[in-house]
Amino acid sequence: MITQAKIKNVIADFSGVSAAYHGYQDRYRAIPGDDPNAGTRWTTAPPAFPGSGNGVVEGTYNTACPTVVAAGTAETCKWWDDLRRAGFVSGNGPQQPFNAVTGLIGVQTGDGAGPPSGPVLGVGGTGAGGFSGLIICSANLPDKIAIAVDTQMDDGQRLSGSVRGQQQSAPNPAIAVDATAAGSGGNNNYAETGTNTYVLCRAF
């Protein structure tokens, strides 16, 4: 029962952040974090800071976000600050929320280095077929939970579809360009050993 509840929570996280993103876009015609008008939209302290407005949320999902947004804060951190100020996500400030197993939940555009952004979770050194657009990632998921989430939201395959997985060797890892590399799980699908953990990323 506890595992089932955590599976539902992780799925709800993916769905909820996606809904918040689309709600923000509909209201402001901008991408949270990248919003060039964020600095003047909200006047309450501490001040908000604008994004570049180039259509790319720069930074990585696991960026070490400050407690208060400031000049130079990564757009992947401003993403959360903007959504919270707009009332789409609970809480305050730019730090990432945690999932049901205390892994980070965050966003990035492709490899986070853009623009232009290269792909991640693809095949080979160039990340062929990987995600190059905006993705949401949820880390530190035990194998049983990762498999269930991918199966219920997508195709249950680690290397294909709109939800993809990367095997972890440390908490909240960077997202690899090559999902078939040995350290990311190789050419294998998810392996339910009871000890494996994964970070899942879903395309918006």
Foldseek 3Di string as FASTA:
>chain_A
DVLVVLLVQVLCVQVLVVVLQVVCCVVPVAGQLQAQCQQPPDDDPPGQHHHVRPQFQADFFPPPADQADDPPTGSFQSNVQRSCVVPSDDDHGRDFDAGPVRAGKTKGAAQRHDVVHFHFLAAPPRLPPGGRGMKIKHWFAALVSLQVNCVVPHPSWQRDDQKHKFWDPDTPDRTGSHCQDVRRPHPDGGDRPRPIIIMMMGDD
